[in-house]
Amino acid sequence: MWLLLCLLATGTALFSAWPPTAVGEGKVPPFQPAIYTLDLLLPLVELGQERSYAPTGMMQWSVVALIGTGWLLATTVAAGAARVLRRN
């Protein structure tokens, strides 16, 4: 839980300082750094920010790291839940 909160705070600070650019045609939702970071960290949840904005330059590596860490955390939680729910 602490790791998720630390990553959320770090991602929010990064994307507040260097926001990604809007992509696509039409109306895009207003950019919210915390929601964008959550959208990257939570692999099975679609909040609409990741598809509407694309980072540029070195911020692309931050996005890759957040997505990878999100998948790692989700896998760890799933493995822990499976172990808890396993019958003896």
C-alpha atoms as a PDB file:
ATOM      1  CA  MET A   1       0.000   0.000   0.000  1.00  0.00           C
ATOM      2  CA  TRP A   2       2.824   2.390   0.883  1.00  0.00           C
ATOM      3  CA  LEU A   3       4.565   1.670  -2.398  1.00  0.00           C
ATOM      4  CA  LEU A   4       1.384   2.499  -4.318  1.00  0.00           C
ATOM      5  CA  LEU A   5       0.977   5.782  -2.432  1.00  0.00           C
ATOM      6  CA  CYS A   6       4.629   6.721  -3.004  1.00  0.00           C
ATOM      7  CA  LEU A   7       4.343   5.952  -6.713  1.00  0.00           C
ATOM      8  CA  LEU A   8       1.105   7.924  -6.915  1.00  0.00           C
ATOM      9  CA  ALA A   9       2.727  10.950  -5.268  1.00  0.00           C
ATOM     10  CA  THR A  10       5.825  10.709  -7.458  1.00  0.00           C
ATOM     11  CA  GLY A  11       3.845  10.305 -10.672  1.00  0.00           C
ATOM     12  CA  THR A  12       1.520  13.154  -9.755  1.00  0.00           C
ATOM     13  CA  ALA A  13       4.487  15.453  -9.105  1.00  0.00           C
ATOM     14  CA  LEU A  14       6.204  14.436 -12.353  1.00  0.00           C
ATOM     15  CA  PHE A  15       3.133  14.879 -14.525  1.00  0.00           C
ATOM     16  CA  SER A  16       2.260  18.172 -12.829  1.00  0.00           C
ATOM     17  CA  ALA A  17       5.686  19.523 -13.748  1.00  0.00           C
ATOM     18  CA  TRP A  18       5.813  17.974 -17.243  1.00  0.00           C
ATOM     19  CA  PRO A  19       2.260  17.240 -18.422  1.00  0.00           C
ATOM     20  CA  PRO A  20       1.782  14.995 -21.454  1.00  0.00           C
ATOM     21  CA  THR A  21       0.266  16.301 -24.656  1.00  0.00           C
ATOM     22  CA  ALA A  22      -3.305  15.557 -25.730  1.00  0.00           C
ATOM     23  CA  VAL A  23      -3.699  13.067 -28.578  1.00  0.00           C
ATOM     24  CA  GLY A  24      -6.514  12.267 -30.953  1.00  0.00           C
ATOM     25  CA  GLU A  25      -9.245  14.225 -32.568  1.00  0.00           C
ATOM     26  CA  GLY A  26     -12.184  15.760 -30.785  1.00  0.00           C
ATOM     27  CA  LYS A  27     -12.729  16.573 -27.167  1.00  0.00           C
ATOM     28  CA  VAL A  28     -10.321  15.130 -24.596  1.00  0.00           C
ATOM     29  CA  PRO A  29     -11.020  15.096 -20.863  1.00  0.00           C
ATOM     30  CA  PRO A  30      -9.190  17.743 -18.818  1.00  0.00           C
ATOM     31  CA  PHE A  31      -5.764  16.536 -17.687  1.00  0.00           C
ATOM     32  CA  GLN A  32      -5.527  15.491 -14.039  1.00  0.00           C
ATOM     33  CA  PRO A  33      -2.045  14.311 -12.974  1.00  0.00           C
ATOM     34  CA  ALA A  34      -3.238  12.084 -10.099  1.00  0.00           C
ATOM     35  CA  ILE A  35      -5.897  10.357 -12.230  1.00  0.00           C
ATOM     36  CA  TYR A  36      -3.392   9.931 -15.076  1.00  0.00           C
ATOM     37  CA  THR A  37      -0.921   8.304 -12.671  1.00  0.00           C
ATOM     38  CA  LEU A  38      -3.619   5.992 -11.289  1.00  0.00           C
ATOM     39  CA  ASP A  39      -4.608   5.090 -14.836  1.00  0.00           C
ATOM     40  CA  LEU A  40      -1.007   4.016 -15.452  1.00  0.00           C
ATOM     41  CA  LEU A  41      -0.603   2.141 -12.158  1.00  0.00           C
ATOM     42  CA  LEU A  42      -3.879   0.194 -12.160  1.00  0.00           C
ATOM     43  CA  PRO A  43      -3.647  -2.188 -15.135  1.00  0.00           C
ATOM     44  CA  LEU A  44      -7.230  -3.443 -15.175  1.00  0.00           C
ATOM     45  CA  VAL A  45      -8.938  -0.074 -14.629  1.00  0.00           C
ATOM     46  CA  GLU A  46      -9.576   2.364 -17.476  1.00  0.00           C
ATOM     47  CA  LEU A  47      -9.958   5.959 -16.271  1.00  0.00           C
ATOM     48  CA  GLY A  48      -9.749   7.580 -19.728  1.00  0.00           C
ATOM     49  CA  GLN A  49      -6.592   9.595 -19.159  1.00  0.00           C
ATOM     50  CA  GLU A  50      -3.948   7.185 -20.523  1.00  0.00           C
ATOM     51  CA  ARG A  51      -5.526   6.980 -23.985  1.00  0.00           C
ATOM     52  CA  SER A  52      -6.151  10.731 -24.199  1.00  0.00           C
ATOM     53  CA  TYR A  53      -2.625  11.905 -23.366  1.00  0.00           C
ATOM     54  CA  ALA A  54       0.830  10.835 -24.502  1.00  0.00           C
ATOM     55  CA  PRO A  55       4.094  11.797 -22.793  1.00  0.00           C
ATOM     56  CA  THR A  56       7.034  13.032 -24.800  1.00  0.00           C
ATOM     57  CA  GLY A  57      10.781  12.766 -24.391  1.00  0.00           C
ATOM     58  CA  MET A  58      12.160  11.271 -21.208  1.00  0.00           C
ATOM     59  CA  MET A  59       8.717  11.159 -19.587  1.00  0.00           C
ATOM     60  CA  GLN A  60       7.960   8.118 -21.755  1.00  0.00           C
ATOM     61  CA  TRP A  61      10.364   6.121 -19.569  1.00  0.00           C
ATOM     62  CA  SER A  62       8.466   7.226 -16.475  1.00  0.00           C
ATOM     63  CA  VAL A  63       5.263   5.930 -18.031  1.00  0.00           C
ATOM     64  CA  VAL A  64       6.896   2.579 -18.847  1.00  0.00           C
ATOM     65  CA  ALA A  65       8.192   2.293 -15.274  1.00  0.00           C
ATOM     66  CA  LEU A  66       4.786   3.126 -13.763  1.00  0.00           C
ATOM     67  CA  ILE A  67       2.958   0.647 -16.003  1.00  0.00           C
ATOM     68  CA  GLY A  68       5.475  -2.100 -15.223  1.00  0.00           C
ATOM     69  CA  THR A  69       5.310  -1.417 -11.515  1.00  0.00           C
ATOM     70  CA  GLY A  70       1.514  -1.412 -11.659  1.00  0.00           C
ATOM     71  CA  TRP A  71       1.492  -4.857 -13.258  1.00  0.00           C
ATOM     72  CA  LEU A  72       3.987  -6.112 -10.692  1.00  0.00           C
ATOM     73  CA  LEU A  73       1.833  -4.812  -7.824  1.00  0.00           C
ATOM     74  CA  ALA A  74      -1.344  -6.292  -9.351  1.00  0.00           C
ATOM     75  CA  THR A  75       0.344  -9.676  -9.755  1.00  0.00           C
ATOM     76  CA  THR A  76       1.601  -9.579  -6.183  1.00  0.00           C
ATOM     77  CA  VAL A  77      -1.852  -8.729  -4.837  1.00  0.00           C
ATOM     78  CA  ALA A  78      -3.447 -11.496  -6.920  1.00  0.00           C
ATOM     79  CA  ALA A  79      -0.894 -14.050  -5.699  1.00  0.00           C
ATOM     80  CA  GLY A  80      -1.420 -12.968  -2.096  1.00  0.00           C
ATOM     81  CA  ALA A  81      -5.196 -13.190  -2.448  1.00  0.00           C
ATOM     82  CA  ALA A  82      -4.945 -16.640  -4.022  1.00  0.00           C
ATOM     83  CA  ARG A  83      -2.792 -17.841  -1.150  1.00  0.00           C
ATOM     84  CA  VAL A  84      -5.190 -16.453   1.451  1.00  0.00           C
ATOM     85  CA  LEU A  85      -8.216 -17.942  -0.280  1.00  0.00           C
ATOM     86  CA  ARG A  86      -6.608 -21.365  -0.844  1.00  0.00           C
ATOM     87  CA  ARG A  87      -8.143 -24.179   1.159  1.00  0.00           C
ATOM     88  CA  ASN A  88      -5.942 -26.347   3.334  1.00  0.00           C
END
